[in-house]
Amino acid sequence: MSVPYETAAYEPPESPESPEEHLERLLGRALNSFELPDEAIRRLDCALAHDSSLHSAHHSAGLHRETYRHTWLLADGSALTLWELVHNTAPGSGPQAEVYVDEEELRAATARLPLPADAPDFELPVTVQLTAMVQPRHRYVPDDNSADHARRLLRRAENTDRPGAEIADLLRTAFAHRITQAFGRPCRAGRAGIGFSLYEHAFLLPGGEEISLWEIEHTATPDGRHMCEVYPTEDGARDAMERRAARTS
């Protein structure tokens, strides 16, 4: 049993598509793409990653229809789904595609198709998850200075076990970041007048990947001067704070 995506018109590209390229292909083949709300298209301008899955299929007497779920992960951590209906029920035509923002609209369009209602053996409801789309832990606002912020953060770190060249290379592609102060596990007290602060610098990369660097700012130095250390994990940063405090007790 074939499905439209196995035909030339719906053949997936050999190389992975960007979210923009995937949207362009979807809108290019959909007969009703001009009916999509402008707001939905604007939101998809900031898409970071996408995922597609076959939602359901019905094949009977040479006629078929399939529905596909296309979901994009947006920079603010939300997701937007478009529903695609592919069928060959138009007289004298090959597979045709339609796209909808709302699942109820999809159901209404599907109900209008002239497919036999007495062929339950050919109804194949399936849900196929092609890839796991991870929601970002933070909400981000795109910022052209994110990569430079990562570079400056690593440059001012004085600890020898700070993140190395591999992390630095990845962060050159960062296009959004967020800084938050981390609380939680208390640090052992050192000598009077010493202060510790812990910050998470979270960076968002193309494709939706997140990388966090954990910065310690403290004065646990022999002369009491301010010092910055950076670690790739929160546990590593907190352990370093404990060691610094213990040396000054």
C-alpha atoms as a PDB file:
ATOM      1  CA  MET A   1       0.000   0.000   0.000  1.00  0.00           C
ATOM      2  CA  SER A   2       1.566   3.296  -1.057  1.00  0.00           C
ATOM      3  CA  VAL A   3       1.141   6.753   0.399  1.00  0.00           C
ATOM      4  CA  PRO A   4       1.490  10.092  -1.411  1.00  0.00           C
ATOM      5  CA  TYR A   5       4.834  10.918   0.194  1.00  0.00           C
ATOM      6  CA  GLU A   6       6.301   7.969  -1.711  1.00  0.00           C
ATOM      7  CA  THR A   7       5.438   9.619  -5.027  1.00  0.00           C
ATOM      8  CA  ALA A   8       7.597  12.194  -6.760  1.00  0.00           C
ATOM      9  CA  ALA A   9       5.400  15.128  -5.743  1.00  0.00           C
ATOM     10  CA  TYR A  10       5.796  14.376  -2.046  1.00  0.00           C
ATOM     11  CA  GLU A  11       9.261  12.834  -1.936  1.00  0.00           C
ATOM     12  CA  PRO A  12      11.122  14.084   1.146  1.00  0.00           C
ATOM     13  CA  PRO A  13      14.464  15.761   0.392  1.00  0.00           C
ATOM     14  CA  GLU A  14      17.628  13.706   0.736  1.00  0.00           C
ATOM     15  CA  SER A  15      19.197  16.137   3.214  1.00  0.00           C
ATOM     16  CA  PRO A  16      17.512  17.440   6.373  1.00  0.00           C
ATOM     17  CA  GLU A  17      15.414  20.530   5.833  1.00  0.00           C
ATOM     18  CA  SER A  18      15.514  23.674   7.900  1.00  0.00           C
ATOM     19  CA  PRO A  19      12.208  24.727   9.497  1.00  0.00           C
ATOM     20  CA  GLU A  20      11.906  27.455   6.840  1.00  0.00           C
ATOM     21  CA  GLU A  21      12.495  25.043   3.960  1.00  0.00           C
ATOM     22  CA  HIS A  22       9.982  22.554   5.340  1.00  0.00           C
ATOM     23  CA  LEU A  23       7.331  25.266   5.655  1.00  0.00           C
ATOM     24  CA  GLU A  24       8.061  26.516   2.138  1.00  0.00           C
ATOM     25  CA  ARG A  25       7.588  23.018   0.672  1.00  0.00           C
ATOM     26  CA  LEU A  26       4.369  22.475   2.613  1.00  0.00           C
ATOM     27  CA  LEU A  27       2.843  25.789   1.544  1.00  0.00           C
ATOM     28  CA  GLY A  28       4.062  25.311  -2.015  1.00  0.00           C
ATOM     29  CA  ARG A  29       2.112  22.073  -2.527  1.00  0.00           C
ATOM     30  CA  ALA A  30      -1.025  23.034  -0.544  1.00  0.00           C
ATOM     31  CA  LEU A  31      -3.853  24.287  -2.781  1.00  0.00           C
ATOM     32  CA  ASN A  32      -5.354  26.432  -0.012  1.00  0.00           C
ATOM     33  CA  SER A  33      -2.204  27.867   1.590  1.00  0.00           C
ATOM     34  CA  PHE A  34      -3.429  31.407   0.839  1.00  0.00           C
ATOM     35  CA  GLU A  35      -6.236  30.838   3.364  1.00  0.00           C
ATOM     36  CA  LEU A  36      -3.893  30.374   6.322  1.00  0.00           C
ATOM     37  CA  PRO A  37      -4.005  33.199   8.910  1.00  0.00           C
ATOM     38  CA  ASP A  38      -1.215  35.736   8.512  1.00  0.00           C
ATOM     39  CA  GLU A  39      -0.539  35.533  12.250  1.00  0.00           C
ATOM     40  CA  ALA A  40       0.331  31.832  11.999  1.00  0.00           C
ATOM     41  CA  ILE A  41       2.796  32.473   9.175  1.00  0.00           C
ATOM     42  CA  ARG A  42       4.409  35.329  11.124  1.00  0.00           C
ATOM     43  CA  ARG A  43       4.875  33.131  14.174  1.00  0.00           C
ATOM     44  CA  LEU A  44       6.574  30.479  12.039  1.00  0.00           C
ATOM     45  CA  ASP A  45       9.200  33.027  10.997  1.00  0.00           C
ATOM     46  CA  CYS A  46      10.958  32.330  14.334  1.00  0.00           C
ATOM     47  CA  ALA A  47      10.741  28.515  14.131  1.00  0.00           C
ATOM     48  CA  LEU A  48      13.767  26.672  15.512  1.00  0.00           C
ATOM     49  CA  ALA A  49      12.942  23.034  14.703  1.00  0.00           C
ATOM     50  CA  HIS A  50      10.193  20.982  13.117  1.00  0.00           C
ATOM     51  CA  ASP A  51       8.721  17.492  13.219  1.00  0.00           C
ATOM     52  CA  SER A  52       6.302  15.680  10.897  1.00  0.00           C
ATOM     53  CA  SER A  53       4.241  12.567  11.527  1.00  0.00           C
ATOM     54  CA  LEU A  54       1.578  10.523   9.754  1.00  0.00           C
ATOM     55  CA  HIS A  55      -1.624  10.977  11.759  1.00  0.00           C
ATOM     56  CA  SER A  56      -4.138   8.751   9.936  1.00  0.00           C
ATOM     57  CA  ALA A  57      -4.833   7.078   6.591  1.00  0.00           C
ATOM     58  CA  HIS A  58      -7.784   5.648   4.664  1.00  0.00           C
ATOM     59  CA  HIS A  59      -7.379   3.560   1.476  1.00  0.00           C
ATOM     60  CA  SER A  60     -10.336   2.083  -0.402  1.00  0.00           C
ATOM     61  CA  ALA A  61     -11.051   1.097  -4.032  1.00  0.00           C
ATOM     62  CA  GLY A  62      -8.110   3.032  -5.421  1.00  0.00           C
ATOM     63  CA  LEU A  63      -8.948   6.162  -3.455  1.00  0.00           C
ATOM     64  CA  HIS A  64      -6.904   7.324  -0.522  1.00  0.00           C
ATOM     65  CA  ARG A  65      -6.419  10.133   1.925  1.00  0.00           C
ATOM     66  CA  GLU A  66      -3.740  10.712   4.538  1.00  0.00           C
ATOM     67  CA  THR A  67      -3.431  13.345   7.216  1.00  0.00           C
ATOM     68  CA  TYR A  68      -0.081  14.584   8.485  1.00  0.00           C
ATOM     69  CA  ARG A  69       0.828  16.602  11.550  1.00  0.00           C
ATOM     70  CA  HIS A  70       3.580  19.207  11.039  1.00  0.00           C
ATOM     71  CA  THR A  71       4.793  20.872  14.235  1.00  0.00           C
ATOM     72  CA  TRP A  72       7.300  23.688  14.620  1.00  0.00           C
ATOM     73  CA  LEU A  73       9.122  24.657  17.817  1.00  0.00           C
ATOM     74  CA  LEU A  74       9.220  28.448  18.225  1.00  0.00           C
ATOM     75  CA  ALA A  75      11.818  30.650  19.907  1.00  0.00           C
ATOM     76  CA  ASP A  76       9.494  31.503  22.809  1.00  0.00           C
ATOM     77  CA  GLY A  77       9.210  27.824  23.747  1.00  0.00           C
ATOM     78  CA  SER A  78       5.730  27.338  22.281  1.00  0.00           C
ATOM     79  CA  ALA A  79       4.779  25.079  19.385  1.00  0.00           C
ATOM     80  CA  LEU A  80       2.561  25.589  16.339  1.00  0.00           C
ATOM     81  CA  THR A  81       0.955  22.747  14.377  1.00  0.00           C
ATOM     82  CA  LEU A  82      -0.328  22.687  10.806  1.00  0.00           C
ATOM     83  CA  TRP A  83      -2.467  19.791   9.607  1.00  0.00           C
ATOM     84  CA  GLU A  84      -2.023  18.523   6.048  1.00  0.00           C
ATOM     85  CA  LEU A  85      -4.671  16.563   4.171  1.00  0.00           C
ATOM     86  CA  VAL A  86      -3.472  14.640   1.086  1.00  0.00           C
ATOM     87  CA  HIS A  87      -5.963  12.800  -1.157  1.00  0.00           C
ATOM     88  CA  ASN A  88      -6.644  11.677  -4.732  1.00  0.00           C
ATOM     89  CA  THR A  89     -10.432  12.058  -4.714  1.00  0.00           C
ATOM     90  CA  ALA A  90     -10.645  14.940  -7.221  1.00  0.00           C
ATOM     91  CA  PRO A  91     -11.799  13.567 -10.607  1.00  0.00           C
ATOM     92  CA  GLY A  92      -8.987  13.155 -13.122  1.00  0.00           C
ATOM     93  CA  SER A  93      -6.230  14.414 -10.843  1.00  0.00           C
ATOM     94  CA  GLY A  94      -3.337  13.009  -8.860  1.00  0.00           C
ATOM     95  CA  PRO A  95      -2.681  13.573  -5.162  1.00  0.00           C
ATOM     96  CA  GLN A  96      -3.716  16.996  -3.892  1.00  0.00           C
ATOM     97  CA  ALA A  97      -2.736  18.640  -0.626  1.00  0.00           C
ATOM     98  CA  GLU A  98      -4.580  21.023   1.667  1.00  0.00           C
ATOM     99  CA  VAL A  99      -3.340  22.551   4.910  1.00  0.00           C
ATOM    100  CA  TYR A 100      -5.209  23.706   8.012  1.00  0.00           C
ATOM    101  CA  VAL A 101      -4.318  25.407  11.295  1.00  0.00           C
ATOM    102  CA  ASP A 102      -7.181  23.884  13.262  1.00  0.00           C
ATOM    103  CA  GLU A 103      -7.810  20.150  13.684  1.00  0.00           C
ATOM    104  CA  GLU A 104     -11.564  20.751  13.544  1.00  0.00           C
ATOM    105  CA  GLU A 105     -11.141  22.343  10.114  1.00  0.00           C
ATOM    106  CA  LEU A 106      -9.151  19.291   9.086  1.00  0.00           C
ATOM    107  CA  ARG A 107     -11.957  16.961  10.206  1.00  0.00           C
ATOM    108  CA  ALA A 108     -14.547  19.011   8.304  1.00  0.00           C
ATOM    109  CA  ALA A 109     -12.456  18.921   5.137  1.00  0.00           C
ATOM    110  CA  THR A 110     -11.895  15.177   5.522  1.00  0.00           C
ATOM    111  CA  ALA A 111     -15.627  14.541   5.959  1.00  0.00           C
ATOM    112  CA  ARG A 112     -16.303  16.214   2.608  1.00  0.00           C
ATOM    113  CA  LEU A 113     -14.125  13.765   0.670  1.00  0.00           C
ATOM    114  CA  PRO A 114     -16.058  11.223  -1.460  1.00  0.00           C
ATOM    115  CA  LEU A 115     -14.588   8.151   0.207  1.00  0.00           C
ATOM    116  CA  PRO A 116     -16.651   4.969   0.822  1.00  0.00           C
ATOM    117  CA  ALA A 117     -17.948   4.797   4.366  1.00  0.00           C
ATOM    118  CA  ASP A 118     -18.307   1.002   4.382  1.00  0.00           C
ATOM    119  CA  ALA A 119     -14.653  -0.066   4.256  1.00  0.00           C
ATOM    120  CA  PRO A 120     -13.503  -0.158   7.884  1.00  0.00           C
ATOM    121  CA  ASP A 121     -10.711  -2.653   7.116  1.00  0.00           C
ATOM    122  CA  PHE A 122      -8.861   0.071   5.247  1.00  0.00           C
ATOM    123  CA  GLU A 123      -9.052   2.699   7.978  1.00  0.00           C
ATOM    124  CA  LEU A 124      -5.576   2.903   9.479  1.00  0.00           C
ATOM    125  CA  PRO A 125      -5.389   5.421  12.309  1.00  0.00           C
ATOM    126  CA  VAL A 126      -1.768   5.705  13.328  1.00  0.00           C
ATOM    127  CA  THR A 127       0.429   8.127  15.169  1.00  0.00           C
ATOM    128  CA  VAL A 128       4.085   8.048  14.240  1.00  0.00           C
ATOM    129  CA  GLN A 129       6.560  10.160  16.185  1.00  0.00           C
ATOM    130  CA  LEU A 130       9.522  10.689  13.897  1.00  0.00           C
ATOM    131  CA  THR A 131      11.726  12.677  16.244  1.00  0.00           C
ATOM    132  CA  ALA A 132      11.502  13.832  19.815  1.00  0.00           C
ATOM    133  CA  MET A 133      11.006  17.572  19.934  1.00  0.00           C
ATOM    134  CA  VAL A 134      12.277  18.903  23.219  1.00  0.00           C
ATOM    135  CA  GLN A 135      10.717  22.072  24.554  1.00  0.00           C
ATOM    136  CA  PRO A 136      13.304  24.643  25.689  1.00  0.00           C
ATOM    137  CA  ARG A 137      13.575  25.091  29.450  1.00  0.00           C
ATOM    138  CA  HIS A 138      13.584  28.882  29.063  1.00  0.00           C
ATOM    139  CA  ARG A 139      11.788  31.480  27.023  1.00  0.00           C
ATOM    140  CA  TYR A 140      14.129  33.406  24.760  1.00  0.00           C
ATOM    141  CA  VAL A 141      14.171  36.586  22.743  1.00  0.00           C
ATOM    142  CA  PRO A 142      16.466  36.400  19.682  1.00  0.00           C
ATOM    143  CA  ASP A 143      19.564  38.550  20.249  1.00  0.00           C
ATOM    144  CA  ASP A 144      22.354  39.084  17.716  1.00  0.00           C
ATOM    145  CA  ASN A 145      24.818  39.579  20.590  1.00  0.00           C
ATOM    146  CA  SER A 146      24.321  36.086  22.066  1.00  0.00           C
ATOM    147  CA  ALA A 147      27.399  34.521  20.474  1.00  0.00           C
ATOM    148  CA  ASP A 148      29.541  37.478  21.562  1.00  0.00           C
ATOM    149  CA  HIS A 149      28.149  37.219  25.099  1.00  0.00           C
ATOM    150  CA  ALA A 150      29.223  33.565  25.238  1.00  0.00           C
ATOM    151  CA  ARG A 151      32.697  34.442  23.959  1.00  0.00           C
ATOM    152  CA  ARG A 152      33.165  37.193  26.565  1.00  0.00           C
ATOM    153  CA  LEU A 153      31.873  34.962  29.360  1.00  0.00           C
ATOM    154  CA  LEU A 154      34.384  32.212  28.559  1.00  0.00           C
ATOM    155  CA  ARG A 155      37.183  34.732  28.130  1.00  0.00           C
ATOM    156  CA  ARG A 156      36.780  36.202  31.607  1.00  0.00           C
ATOM    157  CA  ALA A 157      36.561  32.783  33.331  1.00  0.00           C
ATOM    158  CA  GLU A 158      39.751  32.186  35.355  1.00  0.00           C
ATOM    159  CA  ASN A 159      39.309  28.519  36.263  1.00  0.00           C
ATOM    160  CA  THR A 160      41.491  26.094  34.315  1.00  0.00           C
ATOM    161  CA  ASP A 161      38.654  23.552  33.979  1.00  0.00           C
ATOM    162  CA  ARG A 162      36.307  25.980  32.226  1.00  0.00           C
ATOM    163  CA  PRO A 163      34.468  24.711  29.094  1.00  0.00           C
ATOM    164  CA  GLY A 164      36.835  24.209  26.187  1.00  0.00           C
ATOM    165  CA  ALA A 165      37.002  24.765  22.453  1.00  0.00           C
ATOM    166  CA  GLU A 166      34.199  22.317  21.578  1.00  0.00           C
ATOM    167  CA  ILE A 167      31.623  24.238  23.614  1.00  0.00           C
ATOM    168  CA  ALA A 168      33.020  27.555  22.406  1.00  0.00           C
ATOM    169  CA  ASP A 169      32.574  26.453  18.790  1.00  0.00           C
ATOM    170  CA  LEU A 170      28.957  25.456  19.386  1.00  0.00           C
ATOM    171  CA  LEU A 171      28.186  28.753  21.080  1.00  0.00           C
ATOM    172  CA  ARG A 172      29.369  30.696  18.046  1.00  0.00           C
ATOM    173  CA  THR A 173      25.995  29.813  16.500  1.00  0.00           C
ATOM    174  CA  ALA A 174      23.911  30.977  19.497  1.00  0.00           C
ATOM    175  CA  PHE A 175      21.225  33.469  18.518  1.00  0.00           C
ATOM    176  CA  ALA A 176      19.404  33.902  21.833  1.00  0.00           C
ATOM    177  CA  HIS A 177      20.378  33.758  25.488  1.00  0.00           C
ATOM    178  CA  ARG A 178      18.983  34.284  28.954  1.00  0.00           C
ATOM    179  CA  ILE A 179      20.724  34.961  32.278  1.00  0.00           C
ATOM    180  CA  THR A 180      19.147  33.951  35.575  1.00  0.00           C
ATOM    181  CA  GLN A 181      20.523  33.862  39.095  1.00  0.00           C
ATOM    182  CA  ALA A 182      20.498  30.359  40.563  1.00  0.00           C
ATOM    183  CA  PHE A 183      19.572  29.698  44.151  1.00  0.00           C
ATOM    184  CA  GLY A 184      18.910  26.425  45.935  1.00  0.00           C
ATOM    185  CA  ARG A 185      21.616  24.418  47.654  1.00  0.00           C
ATOM    186  CA  PRO A 186      23.349  26.736  50.136  1.00  0.00           C
ATOM    187  CA  CYS A 187      27.089  27.156  49.957  1.00  0.00           C
ATOM    188  CA  ARG A 188      29.236  26.474  53.029  1.00  0.00           C
ATOM    189  CA  ALA A 189      30.200  29.736  54.688  1.00  0.00           C
ATOM    190  CA  GLY A 190      33.811  30.835  54.308  1.00  0.00           C
ATOM    191  CA  ARG A 191      35.568  33.639  56.063  1.00  0.00           C
ATOM    192  CA  ALA A 192      33.616  36.759  56.885  1.00  0.00           C
ATOM    193  CA  GLY A 193      33.062  39.148  53.982  1.00  0.00           C
ATOM    194  CA  ILE A 194      33.257  36.518  51.226  1.00  0.00           C
ATOM    195  CA  GLY A 195      30.377  36.468  48.780  1.00  0.00           C
ATOM    196  CA  PHE A 196      29.288  33.879  46.211  1.00  0.00           C
ATOM    197  CA  SER A 197      26.769  34.311  43.401  1.00  0.00           C
ATOM    198  CA  LEU A 198      25.771  31.684  40.843  1.00  0.00           C
ATOM    199  CA  TYR A 199      24.268  32.481  37.449  1.00  0.00           C
ATOM    200  CA  GLU A 200      22.976  30.336  34.618  1.00  0.00           C
ATOM    201  CA  HIS A 201      23.732  31.624  31.124  1.00  0.00           C
ATOM    202  CA  ALA A 202      21.414  29.647  28.833  1.00  0.00           C
ATOM    203  CA  PHE A 203      22.014  29.818  25.073  1.00  0.00           C
ATOM    204  CA  LEU A 204      19.699  28.729  22.276  1.00  0.00           C
ATOM    205  CA  LEU A 205      21.236  27.221  19.128  1.00  0.00           C
ATOM    206  CA  PRO A 206      19.747  26.626  15.663  1.00  0.00           C
ATOM    207  CA  GLY A 207      17.617  23.485  15.751  1.00  0.00           C
ATOM    208  CA  GLY A 208      16.371  24.164  19.277  1.00  0.00           C
ATOM    209  CA  GLU A 209      19.386  22.842  21.215  1.00  0.00           C
ATOM    210  CA  GLU A 210      20.180  24.567  24.508  1.00  0.00           C
ATOM    211  CA  ILE A 211      23.547  24.928  26.189  1.00  0.00           C
ATOM    212  CA  SER A 212      23.927  26.352  29.693  1.00  0.00           C
ATOM    213  CA  LEU A 213      27.090  27.729  31.259  1.00  0.00           C
ATOM    214  CA  TRP A 214      27.193  28.203  35.025  1.00  0.00           C
ATOM    215  CA  GLU A 215      29.079  31.252  36.254  1.00  0.00           C
ATOM    216  CA  ILE A 216      30.349  31.757  39.783  1.00  0.00           C
ATOM    217  CA  GLU A 217      31.192  35.281  40.902  1.00  0.00           C
ATOM    218  CA  HIS A 218      33.028  35.381  44.223  1.00  0.00           C
ATOM    219  CA  THR A 219      35.664  37.084  46.329  1.00  0.00           C
ATOM    220  CA  ALA A 220      37.184  33.899  47.794  1.00  0.00           C
ATOM    221  CA  THR A 221      40.659  34.950  46.641  1.00  0.00           C
ATOM    222  CA  PRO A 222      43.806  35.610  48.731  1.00  0.00           C
ATOM    223  CA  ASP A 223      43.540  39.367  48.265  1.00  0.00           C
ATOM    224  CA  GLY A 224      39.744  39.517  48.284  1.00  0.00           C
ATOM    225  CA  ARG A 225      39.475  40.557  44.659  1.00  0.00           C
ATOM    226  CA  HIS A 226      36.483  39.655  42.503  1.00  0.00           C
ATOM    227  CA  MET A 227      36.865  36.431  40.463  1.00  0.00           C
ATOM    228  CA  CYS A 228      34.770  34.708  37.770  1.00  0.00           C
ATOM    229  CA  GLU A 229      34.660  30.960  37.143  1.00  0.00           C
ATOM    230  CA  VAL A 230      32.563  29.137  34.547  1.00  0.00           C
ATOM    231  CA  TYR A 231      31.483  25.481  34.517  1.00  0.00           C
ATOM    232  CA  PRO A 232      29.454  23.344  32.088  1.00  0.00           C
ATOM    233  CA  THR A 233      27.105  21.959  34.783  1.00  0.00           C
ATOM    234  CA  GLU A 234      25.317  23.322  37.831  1.00  0.00           C
ATOM    235  CA  ASP A 235      26.660  20.535  40.046  1.00  0.00           C
ATOM    236  CA  GLY A 236      30.199  21.302  38.940  1.00  0.00           C
ATOM    237  CA  ALA A 237      29.741  24.967  39.744  1.00  0.00           C
ATOM    238  CA  ARG A 238      28.244  24.303  43.177  1.00  0.00           C
ATOM    239  CA  ASP A 239      31.020  21.842  44.032  1.00  0.00           C
ATOM    240  CA  ALA A 240      33.573  24.493  43.078  1.00  0.00           C
ATOM    241  CA  MET A 241      31.851  26.973  45.383  1.00  0.00           C
ATOM    242  CA  GLU A 242      32.069  24.476  48.230  1.00  0.00           C
ATOM    243  CA  ARG A 243      35.784  23.952  47.617  1.00  0.00           C
ATOM    244  CA  ARG A 244      36.479  27.668  47.500  1.00  0.00           C
ATOM    245  CA  ALA A 245      34.564  28.270  50.713  1.00  0.00           C
ATOM    246  CA  ALA A 246      36.333  25.393  52.498  1.00  0.00           C
ATOM    247  CA  ARG A 247      39.757  26.835  51.677  1.00  0.00           C
ATOM    248  CA  THR A 248      38.873  30.158  53.270  1.00  0.00           C
ATOM    249  CA  SER A 249      37.277  28.794  56.448  1.00  0.00           C
END
